[in-house]
Amino acid sequence: MRDFHGVIEALKFYLAKDKKTKILDKDVATALKMTQANFATTKRRNSTPYKNVLEFCKDKDLCCGEVFFD
């Protein structure tokens, strides 16, 4: 199972597949429907926002196994 940074990298990879630009933390925060400050706090604590990630996966019809596991 991936840790916080692995989950975020998987989300960045998913968000970047349609774009040519680099995906920043603020883009991930927006996709997860979090404020940038809340995302930064979560990142500093190394605490995965499971509810937000699962809701994102449901909205985008993305298999959560691709995000949480290698």
PDB file of N, CA and C in Angstrom:
ATOM      1  N   MET A   1       0.843  -1.179   0.000  1.00  0.00           N
ATOM      2  CA  MET A   1       0.000   0.000   0.000  1.00  0.00           C
ATOM      3  C   MET A   1       0.889   1.244   0.000  1.00  0.00           C
ATOM      4  N   ARG A   2       0.492   2.212  -0.781  1.00  0.00           N
ATOM      5  CA  ARG A   2       1.277   3.441  -0.887  1.00  0.00           C
ATOM      6  C   ARG A   2       1.065   4.337   0.331  1.00  0.00           C
ATOM      7  N   ASP A   3       2.101   5.115   0.637  1.00  0.00           N
ATOM      8  CA  ASP A   3       1.973   6.119   1.692  1.00  0.00           C
ATOM      9  C   ASP A   3       1.391   7.398   1.085  1.00  0.00           C
ATOM     10  N   PHE A   4       1.314   8.442   1.887  1.00  0.00           N
ATOM     11  CA  PHE A   4       0.714   9.699   1.444  1.00  0.00           C
ATOM     12  C   PHE A   4       1.360  10.190   0.150  1.00  0.00           C
ATOM     13  N   HIS A   5       2.668  10.232   0.119  1.00  0.00           N
ATOM     14  CA  HIS A   5       3.365  10.780  -1.052  1.00  0.00           C
ATOM     15  C   HIS A   5       3.135   9.917  -2.293  1.00  0.00           C
ATOM     16  N   GLY A   6       3.067   8.617  -2.115  1.00  0.00           N
ATOM     17  CA  GLY A   6       2.777   7.724  -3.235  1.00  0.00           C
ATOM     18  C   GLY A   6       1.378   7.928  -3.789  1.00  0.00           C
ATOM     19  N   VAL A   7       0.412   8.126  -2.895  1.00  0.00           N
ATOM     20  CA  VAL A   7      -0.973   8.378  -3.312  1.00  0.00           C
ATOM     21  C   VAL A   7      -1.053   9.689  -4.081  1.00  0.00           C
ATOM     22  N   ILE A   8      -0.390  10.710  -3.573  1.00  0.00           N
ATOM     23  CA  ILE A   8      -0.418  12.014  -4.242  1.00  0.00           C
ATOM     24  C   ILE A   8       0.258  11.935  -5.614  1.00  0.00           C
ATOM     25  N   GLU A   9       1.359  11.213  -5.705  1.00  0.00           N
ATOM     26  CA  GLU A   9       2.022  11.050  -7.005  1.00  0.00           C
ATOM     27  C   GLU A   9       1.127  10.310  -7.989  1.00  0.00           C
ATOM     28  N   ALA A  10       0.390   9.309  -7.527  1.00  0.00           N
ATOM     29  CA  ALA A  10      -0.547   8.595  -8.398  1.00  0.00           C
ATOM     30  C   ALA A  10      -1.649   9.531  -8.882  1.00  0.00           C
ATOM     31  N   LEU A  11      -2.140  10.382  -7.990  1.00  0.00           N
ATOM     32  CA  LEU A  11      -3.163  11.348  -8.393  1.00  0.00           C
ATOM     33  C   LEU A  11      -2.601  12.367  -9.387  1.00  0.00           C
ATOM     34  N   LYS A  12      -1.386  12.808  -9.151  1.00  0.00           N
ATOM     35  CA  LYS A  12      -0.753  13.752 -10.086  1.00  0.00           C
ATOM     36  C   LYS A  12      -0.589  13.109 -11.458  1.00  0.00           C
ATOM     37  N   PHE A  13      -0.198  11.835 -11.486  1.00  0.00           N
ATOM     38  CA  PHE A  13      -0.048  11.117 -12.746  1.00  0.00           C
ATOM     39  C   PHE A  13      -1.391  11.043 -13.476  1.00  0.00           C
ATOM     40  N   TYR A  14      -2.451  10.735 -12.730  1.00  0.00           N
ATOM     41  CA  TYR A  14      -3.779  10.662 -13.341  1.00  0.00           C
ATOM     42  C   TYR A  14      -4.215  12.029 -13.873  1.00  0.00           C
ATOM     43  N   LEU A  15      -4.001  13.078 -13.101  1.00  0.00           N
ATOM     44  CA  LEU A  15      -4.410  14.421 -13.517  1.00  0.00           C
ATOM     45  C   LEU A  15      -3.582  14.935 -14.687  1.00  0.00           C
ATOM     46  N   ALA A  16      -2.340  14.484 -14.806  1.00  0.00           N
ATOM     47  CA  ALA A  16      -1.440  14.989 -15.843  1.00  0.00           C
ATOM     48  C   ALA A  16      -1.607  14.290 -17.184  1.00  0.00           C
ATOM     49  N   LYS A  17      -2.331  13.186 -17.224  1.00  0.00           N
ATOM     50  CA  LYS A  17      -2.376  12.423 -18.471  1.00  0.00           C
ATOM     51  C   LYS A  17      -3.060  13.163 -19.609  1.00  0.00           C
ATOM     52  N   ASP A  18      -3.896  14.140 -19.300  1.00  0.00           N
ATOM     53  CA  ASP A  18      -4.566  14.903 -20.350  1.00  0.00           C
ATOM     54  C   ASP A  18      -3.915  16.262 -20.602  1.00  0.00           C
ATOM     55  N   LYS A  19      -2.920  16.614 -19.796  1.00  0.00           N
ATOM     56  CA  LYS A  19      -2.331  17.946 -19.887  1.00  0.00           C
ATOM     57  C   LYS A  19      -0.827  17.859 -20.126  1.00  0.00           C
ATOM     58  N   LYS A  20      -0.286  18.917 -20.662  1.00  0.00           N
ATOM     59  CA  LYS A  20       1.154  18.990 -20.910  1.00  0.00           C
ATOM     60  C   LYS A  20       1.886  19.730 -19.798  1.00  0.00           C
ATOM     61  N   THR A  21       1.141  20.327 -18.863  1.00  0.00           N
ATOM     62  CA  THR A  21       1.756  21.115 -17.801  1.00  0.00           C
ATOM     63  C   THR A  21       1.996  20.255 -16.566  1.00  0.00           C
ATOM     64  N   LYS A  22       2.873  20.745 -15.716  1.00  0.00           N
ATOM     65  CA  LYS A  22       3.172  20.060 -14.472  1.00  0.00           C
ATOM     66  C   LYS A  22       2.014  20.252 -13.489  1.00  0.00           C
ATOM     67  N   ILE A  23       1.642  19.189 -12.814  1.00  0.00           N
ATOM     68  CA  ILE A  23       0.563  19.248 -11.834  1.00  0.00           C
ATOM     69  C   ILE A  23       1.164  19.594 -10.480  1.00  0.00           C
ATOM     70  N   LEU A  24       0.652  20.641  -9.865  1.00  0.00           N
ATOM     71  CA  LEU A  24       1.156  21.113  -8.577  1.00  0.00           C
ATOM     72  C   LEU A  24       0.260  20.633  -7.446  1.00  0.00           C
ATOM     73  N   ASP A  25       0.742  20.818  -6.222  1.00  0.00           N
ATOM     74  CA  ASP A  25      -0.044  20.432  -5.053  1.00  0.00           C
ATOM     75  C   ASP A  25      -1.382  21.157  -5.008  1.00  0.00           C
ATOM     76  N   LYS A  26      -1.406  22.398  -5.458  1.00  0.00           N
ATOM     77  CA  LYS A  26      -2.672  23.145  -5.437  1.00  0.00           C
ATOM     78  C   LYS A  26      -3.683  22.520  -6.392  1.00  0.00           C
ATOM     79  N   ASP A  27      -3.206  21.940  -7.486  1.00  0.00           N
ATOM     80  CA  ASP A  27      -4.101  21.255  -8.415  1.00  0.00           C
ATOM     81  C   ASP A  27      -4.692  19.996  -7.784  1.00  0.00           C
ATOM     82  N   VAL A  28      -3.872  19.277  -7.049  1.00  0.00           N
ATOM     83  CA  VAL A  28      -4.346  18.077  -6.351  1.00  0.00           C
ATOM     84  C   VAL A  28      -5.339  18.476  -5.276  1.00  0.00           C
ATOM     85  N   ALA A  29      -5.041  19.533  -4.534  1.00  0.00           N
ATOM     86  CA  ALA A  29      -5.950  20.009  -3.491  1.00  0.00           C
ATOM     87  C   ALA A  29      -7.303  20.365  -4.095  1.00  0.00           C
ATOM     88  N   THR A  30      -7.307  21.042  -5.221  1.00  0.00           N
ATOM     89  CA  THR A  30      -8.554  21.408  -5.883  1.00  0.00           C
ATOM     90  C   THR A  30      -9.308  20.157  -6.339  1.00  0.00           C
ATOM     91  N   ALA A  31      -8.588  19.194  -6.898  1.00  0.00           N
ATOM     92  CA  ALA A  31      -9.223  17.957  -7.354  1.00  0.00           C
ATOM     93  C   ALA A  31      -9.828  17.181  -6.192  1.00  0.00           C
ATOM     94  N   LEU A  32      -9.199  17.250  -5.029  1.00  0.00           N
ATOM     95  CA  LEU A  32      -9.697  16.547  -3.850  1.00  0.00           C
ATOM     96  C   LEU A  32     -10.713  17.370  -3.062  1.00  0.00           C
ATOM     97  N   LYS A  33     -11.056  18.544  -3.588  1.00  0.00           N
ATOM     98  CA  LYS A  33     -12.013  19.447  -2.945  1.00  0.00           C
ATOM     99  C   LYS A  33     -11.558  19.836  -1.536  1.00  0.00           C
ATOM    100  N   MET A  34     -10.272  20.177  -1.445  1.00  0.00           N
ATOM    101  CA  MET A  34      -9.670  20.628  -0.188  1.00  0.00           C
ATOM    102  C   MET A  34      -9.103  22.022  -0.414  1.00  0.00           C
ATOM    103  N   THR A  35      -8.999  22.795   0.656  1.00  0.00           N
ATOM    104  CA  THR A  35      -8.312  24.071   0.539  1.00  0.00           C
ATOM    105  C   THR A  35      -6.818  23.794   0.466  1.00  0.00           C
ATOM    106  N   GLN A  36      -6.070  24.746  -0.069  1.00  0.00           N
ATOM    107  CA  GLN A  36      -4.622  24.566  -0.151  1.00  0.00           C
ATOM    108  C   GLN A  36      -4.009  24.479   1.236  1.00  0.00           C
ATOM    109  N   ALA A  37      -4.536  25.243   2.175  1.00  0.00           N
ATOM    110  CA  ALA A  37      -4.017  25.222   3.544  1.00  0.00           C
ATOM    111  C   ALA A  37      -4.275  23.868   4.200  1.00  0.00           C
ATOM    112  N   ASN A  38      -5.473  23.339   4.005  1.00  0.00           N
ATOM    113  CA  ASN A  38      -5.809  22.039   4.571  1.00  0.00           C
ATOM    114  C   ASN A  38      -4.940  20.945   3.952  1.00  0.00           C
ATOM    115  N   PHE A  39      -4.724  21.022   2.647  1.00  0.00           N
ATOM    116  CA  PHE A  39      -3.871  20.045   1.968  1.00  0.00           C
ATOM    117  C   PHE A  39      -2.436  20.135   2.485  1.00  0.00           C
ATOM    118  N   ALA A  40      -1.936  21.344   2.674  1.00  0.00           N
ATOM    119  CA  ALA A  40      -0.579  21.527   3.179  1.00  0.00           C
ATOM    120  C   ALA A  40      -0.427  20.950   4.590  1.00  0.00           C
ATOM    121  N   THR A  41      -1.438  21.134   5.415  1.00  0.00           N
ATOM    122  CA  THR A  41      -1.407  20.569   6.765  1.00  0.00           C
ATOM    123  C   THR A  41      -1.413  19.052   6.707  1.00  0.00           C
ATOM    124  N   THR A  42      -2.256  18.502   5.844  1.00  0.00           N
ATOM    125  CA  THR A  42      -2.319  17.053   5.678  1.00  0.00           C
ATOM    126  C   THR A  42      -0.988  16.507   5.177  1.00  0.00           C
ATOM    127  N   LYS A  43      -0.367  17.223   4.264  1.00  0.00           N
ATOM    128  CA  LYS A  43       0.926  16.804   3.721  1.00  0.00           C
ATOM    129  C   LYS A  43       2.007  16.858   4.796  1.00  0.00           C
ATOM    130  N   ARG A  44       2.009  17.915   5.588  1.00  0.00           N
ATOM    131  CA  ARG A  44       3.007  18.057   6.646  1.00  0.00           C
ATOM    132  C   ARG A  44       2.872  16.933   7.670  1.00  0.00           C
ATOM    133  N   ARG A  45       1.648  16.540   7.958  1.00  0.00           N
ATOM    134  CA  ARG A  45       1.392  15.460   8.920  1.00  0.00           C
ATOM    135  C   ARG A  45       1.557  14.079   8.311  1.00  0.00           C
ATOM    136  N   ASN A  46       1.745  14.026   6.994  1.00  0.00           N
ATOM    137  CA  ASN A  46       1.885  12.764   6.267  1.00  0.00           C
ATOM    138  C   ASN A  46       0.656  11.884   6.499  1.00  0.00           C
ATOM    139  N   SER A  47      -0.511  12.513   6.436  1.00  0.00           N
ATOM    140  CA  SER A  47      -1.786  11.852   6.721  1.00  0.00           C
ATOM    141  C   SER A  47      -2.614  11.819   5.441  1.00  0.00           C
ATOM    142  N   THR A  48      -2.878  10.642   4.932  1.00  0.00           N
ATOM    143  CA  THR A  48      -3.620  10.500   3.686  1.00  0.00           C
ATOM    144  C   THR A  48      -5.095  10.859   3.888  1.00  0.00           C
ATOM    145  N   PRO A  49      -5.641  11.752   3.067  1.00  0.00           N
ATOM    146  CA  PRO A  49      -7.069  12.114   3.171  1.00  0.00           C
ATOM    147  C   PRO A  49      -7.936  11.077   2.435  1.00  0.00           C
ATOM    148  N   TYR A  50      -8.123   9.924   3.069  1.00  0.00           N
ATOM    149  CA  TYR A  50      -8.796   8.801   2.423  1.00  0.00           C
ATOM    150  C   TYR A  50     -10.181   9.163   1.884  1.00  0.00           C
ATOM    151  N   LYS A  51     -10.971   9.858   2.671  1.00  0.00           N
ATOM    152  CA  LYS A  51     -12.328  10.203   2.234  1.00  0.00           C
ATOM    153  C   LYS A  51     -12.292  11.037   0.958  1.00  0.00           C
ATOM    154  N   ASN A  52     -11.421  12.030   0.918  1.00  0.00           N
ATOM    155  CA  ASN A  52     -11.322  12.887  -0.262  1.00  0.00           C
ATOM    156  C   ASN A  52     -10.851  12.096  -1.482  1.00  0.00           C
ATOM    157  N   VAL A  53      -9.882  11.214  -1.278  1.00  0.00           N
ATOM    158  CA  VAL A  53      -9.348  10.425  -2.391  1.00  0.00           C
ATOM    159  C   VAL A  53     -10.422   9.465  -2.909  1.00  0.00           C
ATOM    160  N   LEU A  54     -11.142   8.819  -2.008  1.00  0.00           N
ATOM    161  CA  LEU A  54     -12.194   7.886  -2.427  1.00  0.00           C
ATOM    162  C   LEU A  54     -13.323   8.605  -3.165  1.00  0.00           C
ATOM    163  N   GLU A  55     -13.689   9.796  -2.707  1.00  0.00           N
ATOM    164  CA  GLU A  55     -14.717  10.571  -3.410  1.00  0.00           C
ATOM    165  C   GLU A  55     -14.230  10.997  -4.789  1.00  0.00           C
ATOM    166  N   PHE A  56     -12.954  11.369  -4.885  1.00  0.00           N
ATOM    167  CA  PHE A  56     -12.368  11.725  -6.185  1.00  0.00           C
ATOM    168  C   PHE A  56     -12.429  10.532  -7.133  1.00  0.00           C
ATOM    169  N   CYS A  57     -12.046   9.359  -6.636  1.00  0.00           N
ATOM    170  CA  CYS A  57     -12.064   8.146  -7.460  1.00  0.00           C
ATOM    171  C   CYS A  57     -13.484   7.834  -7.941  1.00  0.00           C
ATOM    172  N   LYS A  58     -14.454   8.006  -7.064  1.00  0.00           N
ATOM    173  CA  LYS A  58     -15.847   7.751  -7.433  1.00  0.00           C
ATOM    174  C   LYS A  58     -16.312   8.740  -8.499  1.00  0.00           C
ATOM    175  N   ASP A  59     -15.989  10.021  -8.316  1.00  0.00           N
ATOM    176  CA  ASP A  59     -16.404  11.049  -9.276  1.00  0.00           C
ATOM    177  C   ASP A  59     -15.785  10.841 -10.652  1.00  0.00           C
ATOM    178  N   LYS A  60     -14.541  10.401 -10.677  1.00  0.00           N
ATOM    179  CA  LYS A  60     -13.817  10.235 -11.936  1.00  0.00           C
ATOM    180  C   LYS A  60     -13.912   8.818 -12.492  1.00  0.00           C
ATOM    181  N   ASP A  61     -14.658   7.950 -11.805  1.00  0.00           N
ATOM    182  CA  ASP A  61     -14.800   6.551 -12.203  1.00  0.00           C
ATOM    183  C   ASP A  61     -13.423   5.886 -12.335  1.00  0.00           C
ATOM    184  N   LEU A  62     -12.594   6.142 -11.333  1.00  0.00           N
ATOM    185  CA  LEU A  62     -11.229   5.631 -11.273  1.00  0.00           C
ATOM    186  C   LEU A  62     -11.166   4.547 -10.209  1.00  0.00           C
ATOM    187  N   CYS A  63     -10.508   3.452 -10.519  1.00  0.00           N
ATOM    188  CA  CYS A  63     -10.360   2.366  -9.556  1.00  0.00           C
ATOM    189  C   CYS A  63      -9.423   2.822  -8.433  1.00  0.00           C
ATOM    190  N   CYS A  64      -9.905   2.772  -7.193  1.00  0.00           N
ATOM    191  CA  CYS A  64      -9.077   3.238  -6.077  1.00  0.00           C
ATOM    192  C   CYS A  64      -7.873   2.329  -5.859  1.00  0.00           C
ATOM    193  N   GLY A  65      -7.916   1.112  -6.363  1.00  0.00           N
ATOM    194  CA  GLY A  65      -6.750   0.222  -6.261  1.00  0.00           C
ATOM    195  C   GLY A  65      -5.549   0.779  -7.018  1.00  0.00           C
ATOM    196  N   GLU A  66      -5.816   1.494  -8.111  1.00  0.00           N
ATOM    197  CA  GLU A  66      -4.733   2.108  -8.887  1.00  0.00           C
ATOM    198  C   GLU A  66      -4.073   3.243  -8.113  1.00  0.00           C
ATOM    199  N   VAL A  67      -4.810   3.862  -7.198  1.00  0.00           N
ATOM    200  CA  VAL A  67      -4.282   4.989  -6.431  1.00  0.00           C
ATOM    201  C   VAL A  67      -3.575   4.508  -5.173  1.00  0.00           C
ATOM    202  N   PHE A  68      -4.181   3.556  -4.471  1.00  0.00           N
ATOM    203  CA  PHE A  68      -3.653   3.133  -3.180  1.00  0.00           C
ATOM    204  C   PHE A  68      -2.620   2.007  -3.244  1.00  0.00           C
ATOM    205  N   PHE A  69      -2.616   1.248  -4.334  1.00  0.00           N
ATOM    206  CA  PHE A  69      -1.699   0.106  -4.428  1.00  0.00           C
ATOM    207  C   PHE A  69      -0.829   0.213  -5.673  1.00  0.00           C
ATOM    208  N   ASP A  70       0.328  -0.442  -5.620  1.00  0.00           N
ATOM    209  CA  ASP A  70       1.261  -0.425  -6.754  1.00  0.00           C
ATOM    210  C   ASP A  70       0.782  -1.263  -7.897  1.00  0.00           C
TER     211      ASP A  70
END
